[in-house]
């Protein structure tokens, strides 16, 4: 409906006889309507078909092109003429018009492979991914596929949010050689690497680059940049940022030009990999090399500055965007909001939401997530949960795990463990969501702040069942839970378990222990452990061993002072 709506008013009445190429999932034909405009209403008699075709290609306004199209559809058009019209709308990224022309061509002329390729691309751009797959599967008997058919379908499916359809894109790529007998060319590899980029499958992307060379194809700049881009999606993983750096550096040694697109992909990969300082160095290097910053680069650096706690610098970067000739997009506003994490700055973040709407930018899930982060930093629990709900109800979208984690974190700040538990329940009961380490840590913190030690420890068991390994942060939050539950001895046991599990204690561990043991039977002993830290660093020995050593040390020092 979306694809047909914009062009519907300009069509003349036409017969819609059944076509052997009709889609399995019905796409409605446009309603009959007379062409708009006094001049074009008589154009059929005033101008010939060739003149109309020429003007259709040269006019710049989409509205005028729609009107000419309405008149042209009153003429007898052959396959080549339909193809010319479709290529023109494709070139101008008027995908709804491309789809409308394809529907008309289905009932009037014989389908050709180029028509199919363009149509698949247009349906993909309009988010009609299942229709793309239908076209690929149903045209096989009527119009034999070639490599371009496979490539067009893979590229179209690459942007689907449905994991089954992106998996189908990989399967279609495998079929190029195994079923169709073709050797994949550069375009096919570009398509499957685009799928890797959209789905964050960086290891598969690296393998595909190797496969290209095995087939005698030297990876070009597009292929390498797409592979780097696959390292900039998803969560932080060991080796991911290093792989992106290796690919980025290899471009120069292989004679490939590193342009803005390559720098953009590399910075995004460094952001995901947590290499924030290096990302800022690369950002500064861009201008030195005479290249231009892009909006996604700006957005990434603003997010990085926010994660580094350099909130003012992130906000200033946003303000500088118009000076460099860049127009902020939804991602820019979201990144600014994530930099509003100092006390009292939630109002500033909310003002930016209004500014975005005034600029014609509708709220996005990322923008609401930015407001959730700002709300959490300002201990505004109700606001954070409100924006989470807006993502679900207003945008009909699924909040990210990070958004849920931030809401749980602010629930912990406000000692509302009940709300955190309810949010966690939403996550684990949704089959499409896969709770990770950060989400578990934040809910453990929240229930721990409510003194629910038993519940916190049961969540750790749930982590292990899901093959999620607890880290030192998990144990630090368990120590919080023990302290809030007035179970100082359990806190000591957890302190020892950190080392038993092969992890290293950190400064937060010691801070949590002091809070947990304060006013308890082991409070004095913990203070000795804390003092010992200044001599040995973050000790990896048992609590009682450290206490004994510090006791002996203090006794020795006392004896020395007494003797002097």
Protein backbone atom coordinates (compact mmCIF):
# COMPACT_ATOMS: atom_id res chain seq x y z
CA UNK A 1 0.00 0.00 0.00
CA UNK A 2 2.83 2.35 0.84
CA UNK A 3 4.52 1.55 -2.47
CA UNK A 4 1.42 2.24 -4.53
CA UNK A 5 -0.05 5.20 -2.64
CA UNK A 6 2.21 7.96 -3.92
CA UNK A 7 1.63 7.08 -7.57
CA UNK A 8 -2.02 6.06 -7.34
CA UNK A 9 -3.57 9.41 -8.27
CA UNK A 10 -1.76 9.73 -11.59
CA UNK A 11 -2.84 6.54 -13.32
CA UNK A 12 -5.42 6.12 -16.03
CA UNK A 13 -7.88 3.26 -15.81
CA UNK A 14 -6.30 0.06 -17.00
CA UNK A 15 -7.33 -3.58 -17.29
CA UNK A 16 -5.60 -5.82 -14.81
CA UNK A 17 -5.87 -9.22 -16.43
CA UNK A 18 -4.25 -12.07 -14.50
CA UNK A 19 -0.59 -12.51 -15.34
CA UNK A 20 1.38 -15.76 -15.27
CA UNK A 21 3.93 -13.71 -13.33
CA UNK A 22 1.51 -12.51 -10.62
CA UNK A 23 2.98 -12.40 -7.13
CA UNK A 24 1.93 -15.08 -4.67
CA UNK A 25 1.45 -12.42 -2.01
CA UNK A 26 -0.93 -9.97 -3.67
CA UNK A 27 0.25 -6.38 -4.15
CA UNK A 28 -2.81 -4.20 -4.78
CA UNK A 29 -3.10 -2.57 -8.20
CA UNK A 30 -3.42 1.23 -8.15
CA UNK A 31 -6.93 2.67 -8.32
CA UNK A 32 -8.05 4.30 -11.54
CA UNK A 33 -7.59 8.06 -11.67
CA UNK A 34 -7.17 10.75 -14.29
CA UNK A 35 -3.73 12.33 -14.69
CA UNK A 36 -3.20 15.52 -12.72
CA UNK A 37 -2.51 18.88 -14.37
CA UNK A 38 -4.24 20.79 -17.15
CA UNK A 39 -1.28 20.60 -19.53
CA UNK A 40 -0.66 16.89 -19.10
CA UNK A 41 -4.34 16.04 -19.29
CA UNK A 42 -4.17 16.76 -23.01
CA UNK A 43 -0.56 15.71 -23.44
CA UNK A 44 -1.44 12.43 -25.12
CA UNK A 45 -2.85 14.30 -28.09
CA UNK A 46 -0.35 17.17 -27.94
CA UNK A 47 2.85 15.11 -27.59
CA UNK A 48 3.96 11.83 -29.06
CA UNK A 49 5.12 8.87 -27.02
CA UNK A 50 8.81 9.51 -27.85
CA UNK A 51 8.59 13.11 -26.59
CA UNK A 52 6.90 11.96 -23.38
CA UNK A 53 9.56 9.28 -22.82
CA UNK A 54 12.26 11.90 -23.25
CA UNK A 55 10.65 14.30 -20.80
CA UNK A 56 10.06 11.48 -18.31
CA UNK A 57 13.84 10.96 -18.16
CA UNK A 58 14.84 14.61 -17.92
CA UNK A 59 12.35 16.22 -15.50
CA UNK A 60 13.65 16.66 -11.95
CA UNK A 61 10.43 16.89 -9.93
CA UNK A 62 8.94 13.55 -8.93
CA UNK A 63 5.41 14.99 -9.07
CA UNK A 64 5.86 15.96 -12.73
CA UNK A 65 7.35 12.55 -13.53
CA UNK A 66 4.28 10.90 -11.97
CA UNK A 67 1.99 12.92 -14.22
CA UNK A 68 3.95 12.06 -17.35
CA UNK A 69 3.88 8.42 -16.28
CA UNK A 70 0.10 8.55 -16.00
CA UNK A 71 -0.13 9.73 -19.60
CA UNK A 72 2.45 7.25 -20.87
CA UNK A 73 0.51 4.36 -19.38
CA UNK A 74 -2.28 5.29 -21.77
CA UNK A 75 0.02 4.41 -24.67
CA UNK A 76 1.05 0.98 -25.88
CA UNK A 77 4.44 0.37 -24.28
CA UNK A 78 6.80 -2.47 -25.13
CA UNK A 79 9.32 -4.26 -22.91
CA UNK A 80 12.17 -1.87 -23.74
CA UNK A 81 10.04 1.20 -22.99
CA UNK A 82 8.85 -0.19 -19.65
CA UNK A 83 12.47 -1.00 -18.85
CA UNK A 84 13.50 2.58 -19.69
CA UNK A 85 10.85 3.94 -17.32
CA UNK A 86 11.88 1.57 -14.55
CA UNK A 87 15.57 2.39 -14.94
CA UNK A 88 14.75 6.10 -14.74
CA UNK A 89 12.78 5.77 -11.51
CA UNK A 90 15.48 3.48 -10.09
CA UNK A 91 18.15 6.07 -10.91
CA UNK A 92 16.11 8.75 -9.12
CA UNK A 93 15.46 6.42 -6.15
CA UNK A 94 11.69 6.66 -6.69
CA UNK A 95 11.15 3.07 -5.67
CA UNK A 96 7.37 3.35 -5.25
CA UNK A 97 7.10 4.42 -8.91
CA UNK A 98 9.39 1.56 -9.95
CA UNK A 99 7.08 -0.91 -8.23
CA UNK A 100 4.01 0.68 -9.81
CA UNK A 101 5.57 0.41 -13.29
CA UNK A 102 6.53 -3.21 -12.64
CA UNK A 103 2.95 -4.06 -11.69
CA UNK A 104 1.69 -2.50 -14.91
CA UNK A 105 4.35 -4.30 -16.95
CA UNK A 106 3.32 -7.65 -15.47
CA UNK A 107 -0.10 -7.49 -17.08
CA UNK A 108 0.99 -5.93 -20.38
CA UNK A 109 4.34 -7.23 -21.58
CA UNK A 110 6.57 -10.25 -21.28
CA UNK A 111 8.76 -10.15 -18.20
CA UNK A 112 12.51 -9.82 -18.74
CA UNK A 113 15.44 -10.44 -16.42
CA UNK A 114 16.39 -6.73 -16.18
CA UNK A 115 12.81 -5.93 -15.10
CA UNK A 116 13.01 -8.61 -12.43
CA UNK A 117 16.35 -7.32 -11.14
CA UNK A 118 15.14 -3.73 -10.87
CA UNK A 119 11.86 -4.81 -9.27
CA UNK A 120 13.64 -6.95 -6.65
CA UNK A 121 15.82 -3.97 -5.76
CA UNK A 122 12.82 -1.64 -5.49
CA UNK A 123 10.82 -4.02 -3.28
CA UNK A 124 13.90 -4.39 -1.08
CA UNK A 125 14.30 -0.61 -0.75
CA UNK A 126 10.65 -0.34 0.27
CA UNK A 127 11.10 -3.04 2.94
CA UNK A 128 8.98 -5.63 1.12
CA UNK A 129 11.54 -8.41 1.62
CA UNK A 130 9.24 -11.41 1.33
CA UNK A 131 8.03 -10.11 -2.03
CA UNK A 132 11.67 -9.98 -3.18
CA UNK A 133 12.04 -13.62 -2.25
CA UNK A 134 8.76 -14.49 -4.00
CA UNK A 135 9.97 -12.87 -7.21
CA UNK A 136 13.26 -14.75 -7.02
CA UNK A 137 11.56 -18.10 -6.47
CA UNK A 138 8.56 -17.77 -8.83
CA UNK A 139 10.28 -16.44 -11.93
CA UNK A 140 12.64 -19.36 -12.32
CA UNK A 141 10.43 -21.28 -14.75
CA UNK A 142 9.53 -18.23 -16.83
CA UNK A 143 12.75 -16.25 -16.79
CA UNK A 144 16.00 -18.14 -16.09
CA UNK A 145 18.13 -16.62 -13.37
CA UNK A 146 21.62 -15.34 -13.98
CA UNK A 147 24.30 -14.09 -11.59
CA UNK A 148 22.72 -10.64 -11.46
CA UNK A 149 19.43 -12.20 -10.30
CA UNK A 150 21.20 -13.83 -7.38
CA UNK A 151 23.14 -10.66 -6.56
CA UNK A 152 20.05 -8.42 -6.66
CA UNK A 153 18.13 -10.78 -4.35
CA UNK A 154 20.99 -11.11 -1.86
CA UNK A 155 21.41 -7.32 -1.67
CA UNK A 156 17.66 -6.81 -1.22
CA UNK A 157 17.41 -9.41 1.56
CA UNK A 158 20.53 -8.11 3.34
CA UNK A 159 18.60 -5.31 5.02
CA UNK A 160 15.75 -7.48 6.28
CA UNK A 161 15.26 -7.43 10.06
CA UNK A 162 14.07 -11.04 9.84
CA UNK A 163 16.99 -13.42 10.62
CA UNK A 164 15.37 -16.13 8.51
CA UNK A 165 15.44 -13.91 5.42
CA UNK A 166 19.06 -12.82 5.95
CA UNK A 167 19.96 -16.48 6.39
CA UNK A 168 18.17 -17.14 3.10
CA UNK A 169 20.45 -14.52 1.50
CA UNK A 170 23.48 -16.58 2.54
CA UNK A 171 21.83 -19.74 1.18
CA UNK A 172 21.10 -18.06 -2.15
CA UNK A 173 24.76 -17.05 -2.38
CA UNK A 174 25.84 -20.65 -1.80
CA UNK A 175 23.41 -21.74 -4.54
CA UNK A 176 25.11 -19.55 -7.17
CA UNK A 177 27.86 -22.11 -7.61
CA UNK A 178 26.33 -25.26 -6.10
CA UNK A 179 22.97 -25.11 -7.94
CA UNK A 180 23.25 -22.60 -10.81
CA UNK A 181 26.83 -23.51 -11.71
CA UNK A 182 28.05 -19.92 -11.85
CA UNK A 183 31.26 -18.65 -10.29
CA UNK A 184 30.25 -15.69 -8.07
CA UNK A 185 31.52 -12.37 -9.43
CA UNK A 186 32.35 -9.17 -7.57
CA UNK A 187 28.72 -8.04 -7.50
CA UNK A 188 27.64 -11.31 -5.87
CA UNK A 189 30.37 -10.99 -3.24
CA UNK A 190 29.39 -7.39 -2.61
CA UNK A 191 25.83 -8.58 -1.97
CA UNK A 192 26.74 -11.30 0.51
CA UNK A 193 29.31 -9.05 2.25
CA UNK A 194 26.55 -6.44 2.56
CA UNK A 195 24.52 -9.12 4.36
CA UNK A 196 27.49 -9.78 6.66
CA UNK A 197 27.70 -6.08 7.40
CA UNK A 198 24.01 -5.73 8.21
CA UNK A 199 24.02 -8.82 10.45
CA UNK A 200 27.43 -8.26 12.06
CA UNK A 201 28.86 -11.60 10.89
CA UNK A 202 32.47 -10.41 10.75
CA UNK A 203 34.10 -13.82 10.85
CA UNK A 204 32.03 -14.94 7.85
CA UNK A 205 33.04 -11.73 6.06
CA UNK A 206 36.73 -12.53 6.60
CA UNK A 207 36.20 -16.02 5.20
CA UNK A 208 34.40 -14.61 2.15
CA UNK A 209 37.37 -12.33 1.38
CA UNK A 210 39.54 -15.44 1.41
CA UNK A 211 37.08 -17.26 -0.86
CA UNK A 212 37.24 -14.37 -3.34
CA UNK A 213 40.98 -14.82 -3.70
CA UNK A 214 40.52 -18.59 -4.06
CA UNK A 215 38.22 -17.86 -7.04
CA UNK A 216 40.82 -15.56 -8.57
CA UNK A 217 39.01 -12.37 -7.56
CA UNK A 218 41.04 -9.65 -5.89
CA UNK A 219 38.89 -7.97 -3.20
CA UNK A 220 38.21 -4.39 -4.23
CA UNK A 221 37.72 -1.39 -1.91
CA UNK A 222 33.96 -1.98 -1.70
CA UNK A 223 34.43 -5.58 -0.55
CA UNK A 224 37.01 -4.65 2.09
CA UNK A 225 34.96 -1.72 3.41
CA UNK A 226 31.90 -3.96 3.72
CA UNK A 227 33.99 -6.48 5.66
CA UNK A 228 35.25 -3.72 7.97
CA UNK A 229 31.64 -2.60 8.37
CA UNK A 230 30.67 -6.08 9.57
CA UNK A 231 33.01 -5.48 12.55
CA UNK A 232 31.00 -2.36 13.44
CA UNK A 233 27.76 -4.19 14.21
CA UNK A 234 26.61 -6.08 17.27
CA UNK A 235 28.39 -6.46 20.58
CA UNK A 236 32.05 -6.28 21.51
CA UNK A 237 33.84 -9.55 20.71
CA UNK A 238 37.43 -10.67 21.08
CA UNK A 239 39.34 -10.07 17.86
CA UNK A 240 36.62 -8.05 16.13
CA UNK A 241 38.25 -4.60 16.37
CA UNK A 242 41.67 -6.13 15.59
CA UNK A 243 40.21 -7.68 12.42
CA UNK A 244 38.84 -4.30 11.34
CA UNK A 245 42.24 -2.68 11.92
CA UNK A 246 44.00 -5.40 9.94
CA UNK A 247 41.62 -4.92 7.00
CA UNK A 248 41.88 -1.13 7.16
CA UNK A 249 45.69 -1.24 7.09
CA UNK A 250 45.69 -3.82 4.28
CA UNK A 251 43.93 -1.40 1.95
CA UNK A 252 47.05 0.74 1.49
CA UNK A 253 49.35 -2.25 1.00
CA UNK A 254 46.97 -3.63 -1.64
CA UNK A 255 46.74 -0.35 -3.54
CA UNK A 256 43.17 0.42 -2.45
CA UNK A 257 42.16 4.01 -1.74
CA UNK A 258 41.03 4.70 1.82
CA UNK A 259 38.18 7.16 1.41
CA UNK A 260 35.51 8.50 3.77
CA UNK A 261 33.54 5.24 3.58
CA UNK A 262 36.52 3.20 4.79
CA UNK A 263 37.26 5.60 7.65
CA UNK A 264 33.58 5.59 8.62
CA UNK A 265 33.45 1.78 8.76
CA UNK A 266 36.72 1.63 10.73
CA UNK A 267 35.64 4.19 13.35
CA UNK A 268 32.34 2.36 13.88
CA UNK A 269 34.28 -0.91 14.36
CA UNK A 270 36.58 0.76 16.91
CA UNK A 271 33.53 2.10 18.74
CA UNK A 272 32.00 -1.37 19.02
CA UNK A 273 35.37 -2.81 20.04
CA UNK A 274 35.75 -0.28 22.85
CA UNK A 275 38.92 1.25 21.35
CA UNK A 276 37.72 4.77 22.01
CA UNK A 277 41.03 6.62 22.14
CA UNK A 278 42.13 5.07 18.85
CA UNK A 279 38.80 6.03 17.25
CA UNK A 280 39.34 9.67 18.22
CA UNK A 281 42.89 9.55 16.78
CA UNK A 282 41.49 8.20 13.49
CA UNK A 283 38.81 10.90 13.54
CA UNK A 284 41.48 13.60 13.81
CA UNK A 285 43.52 11.93 11.07
CA UNK A 286 40.69 12.18 8.54
CA UNK A 287 40.94 15.93 8.03
CA UNK A 288 44.75 15.83 7.94
CA UNK A 289 44.44 13.61 4.88
CA UNK A 290 42.15 16.05 3.11
CA UNK A 291 39.03 13.93 3.57
CA UNK A 292 35.66 15.04 4.89
CA UNK A 293 33.91 13.90 8.04
CA UNK A 294 30.51 12.25 7.47
CA UNK A 295 27.40 12.33 9.65
CA UNK A 296 27.84 8.68 10.79
CA UNK A 297 31.45 9.49 11.77
CA UNK A 298 30.29 12.48 13.82
CA UNK A 299 27.58 10.38 15.45
CA UNK A 300 30.03 7.63 16.38
CA UNK A 301 32.54 10.06 17.93
CA UNK A 302 29.77 11.78 19.92
CA UNK A 303 28.67 8.40 21.31
CA UNK A 304 32.29 7.56 22.16
CA UNK A 305 32.79 10.89 23.97
CA UNK A 306 29.63 10.15 25.95
CA UNK A 307 30.93 6.70 26.94
CA UNK A 308 34.24 8.28 27.99
CA UNK A 309 32.39 10.76 30.20
CA UNK A 310 33.41 13.71 28.00
CA UNK A 311 29.84 14.91 27.80
CA UNK A 312 30.56 18.57 27.11
CA UNK A 313 32.92 17.69 24.25
CA UNK A 314 30.21 15.49 22.71
CA UNK A 315 27.65 18.27 22.92
CA UNK A 316 30.09 20.77 21.38
CA UNK A 317 30.75 18.39 18.49
CA UNK A 318 27.02 18.35 17.72
CA UNK A 319 26.96 22.16 17.67
CA UNK A 320 29.86 22.20 15.17
CA UNK A 321 28.10 20.00 12.62
CA UNK A 322 26.35 22.85 10.73
CA UNK A 323 29.68 24.72 10.52
CA UNK A 324 31.16 21.80 8.57
CA UNK A 325 28.15 21.75 6.25
CA UNK A 326 26.63 18.61 7.76
CA UNK A 327 22.97 18.33 8.68
CA UNK A 328 22.30 16.37 11.89
CA UNK A 329 20.16 13.27 11.42
CA UNK A 330 18.22 11.16 13.92
CA UNK A 331 21.44 9.43 14.95
CA UNK A 332 23.08 12.79 15.67
CA UNK A 333 20.26 13.85 17.99
CA UNK A 334 20.38 10.46 19.71
CA UNK A 335 24.15 10.76 20.22
CA UNK A 336 23.70 14.25 21.72
CA UNK A 337 21.12 12.90 24.16
CA UNK A 338 23.59 10.22 25.28
CA UNK A 339 25.97 13.06 26.18
CA UNK A 340 23.41 14.63 28.54
CA UNK A 341 24.49 12.54 31.51
CA UNK A 342 25.42 15.24 34.00
CA UNK A 343 23.06 16.30 36.74
CA UNK A 344 20.17 18.41 35.50
CA UNK A 345 20.78 17.73 31.78
CA UNK A 346 17.74 15.56 31.13
CA UNK A 347 15.80 18.71 30.27
CA UNK A 348 18.46 19.62 27.69
CA UNK A 349 18.09 16.17 26.12
CA UNK A 350 14.32 16.53 25.96
CA UNK A 351 14.69 19.94 24.32
CA UNK A 352 16.78 18.30 21.61
CA UNK A 353 13.91 15.89 20.95
CA UNK A 354 11.69 18.91 20.27
CA UNK A 355 14.39 20.45 18.06
CA UNK A 356 14.56 17.25 16.02
CA UNK A 357 10.80 17.25 15.52
CA UNK A 358 10.89 20.91 14.50
CA UNK A 359 13.52 19.93 11.91
CA UNK A 360 11.12 17.32 10.50
CA UNK A 361 12.86 14.34 12.13
CA UNK A 362 10.48 11.89 13.76
CA UNK A 363 11.51 10.22 17.03
CA UNK A 364 13.38 6.95 16.58
CA UNK A 365 14.14 4.07 18.92
CA UNK A 366 17.75 5.26 19.13
CA UNK A 367 16.62 8.76 20.15
CA UNK A 368 14.38 7.35 22.87
CA UNK A 369 17.27 5.15 23.99
CA UNK A 370 19.38 8.31 24.28
CA UNK A 371 16.69 9.78 26.51
CA UNK A 372 16.65 6.56 28.57
CA UNK A 373 20.40 6.91 29.13
CA UNK A 374 20.04 10.58 30.11
CA UNK A 375 17.13 9.69 32.43
CA UNK A 376 19.15 6.92 34.09
CA UNK A 377 22.12 9.24 34.61
CA UNK A 378 19.79 11.74 36.27
CA UNK A 379 18.13 9.05 38.44
CA UNK A 380 14.77 9.61 36.72
CA UNK A 381 13.35 6.08 36.85
CA UNK A 382 9.83 6.97 35.73
CA UNK A 383 11.14 8.90 32.73
CA UNK A 384 13.42 6.05 31.67
CA UNK A 385 10.58 3.52 31.78
CA UNK A 386 8.29 5.98 29.97
CA UNK A 387 10.71 6.25 27.02
CA UNK A 388 11.14 2.47 26.97
CA UNK A 389 7.36 2.15 26.72
CA UNK A 390 7.27 4.73 23.92
CA UNK A 391 9.60 2.56 21.86
CA UNK A 392 7.22 -0.36 22.30
CA UNK A 393 3.86 1.39 21.88
CA UNK A 394 4.51 4.54 19.85
CA UNK A 395 7.13 3.10 17.50
CA UNK A 396 5.94 -0.53 17.73
CA UNK A 397 9.59 -1.54 17.98
CA UNK A 398 11.65 -3.80 20.22
CA UNK A 399 13.92 -1.88 22.65
CA UNK A 400 17.54 -2.96 22.66
CA UNK A 401 19.08 -4.91 25.52
CA UNK A 402 21.08 -1.81 26.38
CA UNK A 403 17.86 0.19 26.80
CA UNK A 404 16.47 -2.47 29.14
CA UNK A 405 19.77 -2.62 31.05
CA UNK A 406 19.78 1.15 31.61
CA UNK A 407 16.21 1.04 32.90
CA UNK A 408 17.15 -1.74 35.32
CA UNK A 409 20.20 0.21 36.42
CA UNK A 410 18.16 3.29 37.32
CA UNK A 411 15.69 1.03 39.15
CA UNK A 412 18.67 -0.10 41.21
CA UNK A 413 19.68 3.50 41.91
CA UNK A 414 16.13 4.12 43.15
CA UNK A 415 16.02 0.80 45.08
CA UNK A 416 13.00 -0.37 43.08
CA UNK A 417 13.93 -4.01 42.54
CA UNK A 418 10.33 -5.00 41.74
CA UNK A 419 10.26 -2.88 38.55
CA UNK A 420 13.68 -4.20 37.52
CA UNK A 421 12.47 -7.78 37.97
CA UNK A 422 9.39 -7.08 35.82
CA UNK A 423 11.54 -5.61 33.04
CA UNK A 424 13.85 -8.61 33.20
CA UNK A 425 10.87 -10.93 32.94
CA UNK A 426 9.85 -9.15 29.71
CA UNK A 427 13.28 -9.90 28.26
CA UNK A 428 13.56 -13.58 29.14
CA UNK A 429 10.00 -14.42 28.08
CA UNK A 430 10.43 -12.87 24.63
CA UNK A 431 11.78 -15.60 22.32
CA UNK A 432 13.33 -12.99 20.02
CA UNK A 433 15.50 -11.52 22.77
CA UNK A 434 18.73 -13.04 24.03
CA UNK A 435 19.75 -11.56 27.39
CA UNK A 436 23.50 -11.07 27.66
CA UNK A 437 26.04 -10.43 30.40
CA UNK A 438 25.30 -6.70 30.75
CA UNK A 439 21.57 -7.26 31.19
CA UNK A 440 22.10 -9.91 33.86
CA UNK A 441 24.61 -7.71 35.68
CA UNK A 442 22.22 -4.77 35.77
CA UNK A 443 19.27 -6.80 37.10
CA UNK A 444 21.55 -8.41 39.71
CA UNK A 445 22.59 -4.90 40.77
CA UNK A 446 18.96 -3.76 40.99
CA UNK A 447 17.70 -6.69 43.05
CA UNK A 448 20.87 -6.50 45.12
CA UNK A 449 20.19 -2.88 46.00
CA UNK A 450 16.84 -4.15 47.25
CA UNK A 451 18.62 -6.58 49.56
CA UNK A 452 17.43 -9.63 47.59
CA UNK A 453 20.61 -11.70 47.93
CA UNK A 454 18.94 -15.05 47.28
CA UNK A 455 17.30 -13.76 44.11
CA UNK A 456 20.58 -12.22 42.95
CA UNK A 457 22.39 -15.53 43.38
CA UNK A 458 19.63 -17.40 41.56
CA UNK A 459 20.15 -15.04 38.61
CA UNK A 460 23.83 -16.03 38.52
CA UNK A 461 22.74 -19.67 38.27
CA UNK A 462 20.42 -18.71 35.41
CA UNK A 463 23.39 -17.06 33.66
CA UNK A 464 25.38 -20.27 33.87
CA UNK A 465 22.46 -22.28 32.49
CA UNK A 466 22.47 -19.95 29.50
CA UNK A 467 26.24 -20.40 29.04
CA UNK A 468 26.91 -16.81 30.12
CA UNK A 469 30.05 -16.57 32.24
CA UNK A 470 29.84 -14.19 35.24
CA UNK A 471 32.59 -11.53 35.34
CA UNK A 472 34.08 -9.47 38.15
CA UNK A 473 31.28 -6.92 37.79
CA UNK A 474 28.76 -9.70 38.47
CA UNK A 475 30.55 -10.54 41.72
CA UNK A 476 30.87 -6.87 42.67
CA UNK A 477 27.07 -6.60 42.40
CA UNK A 478 26.63 -9.81 44.42
CA UNK A 479 28.77 -8.20 47.13
CA UNK A 480 26.36 -5.22 47.01
CA UNK A 481 23.46 -7.65 47.49
CA UNK A 482 25.20 -9.29 50.45
CA UNK A 483 25.83 -5.90 52.04
CA UNK A 484 22.25 -4.73 51.61
CA UNK A 485 21.05 -8.05 53.07
CA UNK A 486 23.41 -7.57 56.07
CA UNK A 487 25.29 -10.75 55.13
CA UNK A 488 28.88 -9.54 55.53
CA UNK A 489 30.30 -13.04 55.84
CA UNK A 490 28.75 -13.96 52.49
CA UNK A 491 30.40 -10.85 51.04
CA UNK A 492 33.77 -12.19 52.26
CA UNK A 493 33.05 -15.55 50.58
CA UNK A 494 32.22 -13.77 47.31
CA UNK A 495 35.44 -11.74 47.64
CA UNK A 496 37.37 -15.02 47.74
CA UNK A 497 35.32 -16.61 44.94
CA UNK A 498 36.44 -13.92 42.50
CA UNK A 499 39.98 -15.30 42.64
CA UNK A 500 38.77 -18.91 42.74
CA UNK A 501 36.97 -18.25 39.43
CA UNK A 502 40.21 -17.06 37.82
CA UNK A 503 39.31 -13.36 37.83
CA UNK A 504 41.11 -10.34 39.22
CA UNK A 505 39.62 -8.03 41.84
CA UNK A 506 39.50 -4.34 41.01
CA UNK A 507 39.08 -1.02 42.83
CA UNK A 508 35.29 -1.36 42.66
CA UNK A 509 35.53 -4.74 44.43
CA UNK A 510 37.31 -3.16 47.39
CA UNK A 511 34.88 -0.22 47.50
CA UNK A 512 31.89 -2.57 47.48
CA UNK A 513 33.45 -4.70 50.22
CA UNK A 514 34.01 -1.71 52.52
CA UNK A 515 30.34 -0.73 52.11
CA UNK A 516 29.12 -4.31 52.59
CA UNK A 517 31.17 -4.94 55.75
CA UNK A 518 30.71 -1.57 57.40
CA UNK A 519 29.36 -1.92 60.95
CA UNK A 520 29.60 -5.73 60.86
CA UNK A 521 31.79 -8.26 62.70
CA UNK A 522 34.23 -8.27 59.78
CA UNK A 523 34.28 -4.49 59.30
CA UNK A 524 37.66 -4.05 61.03
CA UNK A 525 39.15 -6.96 59.09
CA UNK A 526 37.98 -5.46 55.80
CA UNK A 527 39.62 -2.19 56.71
CA UNK A 528 42.89 -4.13 57.17
CA UNK A 529 42.43 -5.70 53.73
CA UNK A 530 41.88 -2.23 52.31
CA UNK A 531 45.05 -0.89 53.95
CA UNK A 532 47.03 -3.92 52.72
CA UNK A 533 45.99 -3.02 49.18
CA UNK A 534 48.27 0.04 49.29
CA UNK A 535 51.25 -2.27 49.81
CA UNK A 536 50.38 -5.23 47.55
CA UNK A 537 47.91 -3.83 45.06
CA UNK A 538 44.76 -5.81 44.22
CA UNK A 539 45.63 -8.97 46.14
CA UNK A 540 44.76 -12.40 44.77
CA UNK A 541 44.94 -14.21 48.12
CA UNK A 542 42.21 -15.26 50.50
CA UNK A 543 40.59 -12.67 52.75
CA UNK A 544 41.84 -14.24 55.98
CA UNK A 545 45.42 -14.50 54.65
CA UNK A 546 45.47 -10.80 53.79
CA UNK A 547 44.02 -9.93 57.21
CA UNK A 548 46.66 -12.04 58.97
CA UNK A 549 49.46 -10.42 57.00
CA UNK A 550 48.22 -6.90 57.70
CA UNK A 551 47.75 -7.75 61.40
CA UNK A 552 51.34 -8.96 61.60
CA UNK A 553 52.57 -5.90 59.72
CA UNK A 554 50.73 -3.54 62.08
CA UNK A 555 52.07 -5.41 65.11
CA UNK A 556 55.61 -5.12 63.78
CA UNK A 557 55.20 -1.41 63.10
CA UNK A 558 53.79 -0.89 66.59
CA UNK A 559 56.77 -2.69 68.14
CA UNK A 560 59.19 -0.54 66.15
CA UNK A 561 57.50 2.64 67.34
CA UNK A 562 57.49 1.38 70.93
CA UNK A 563 61.20 0.56 70.75
CA UNK A 564 62.06 3.96 69.30
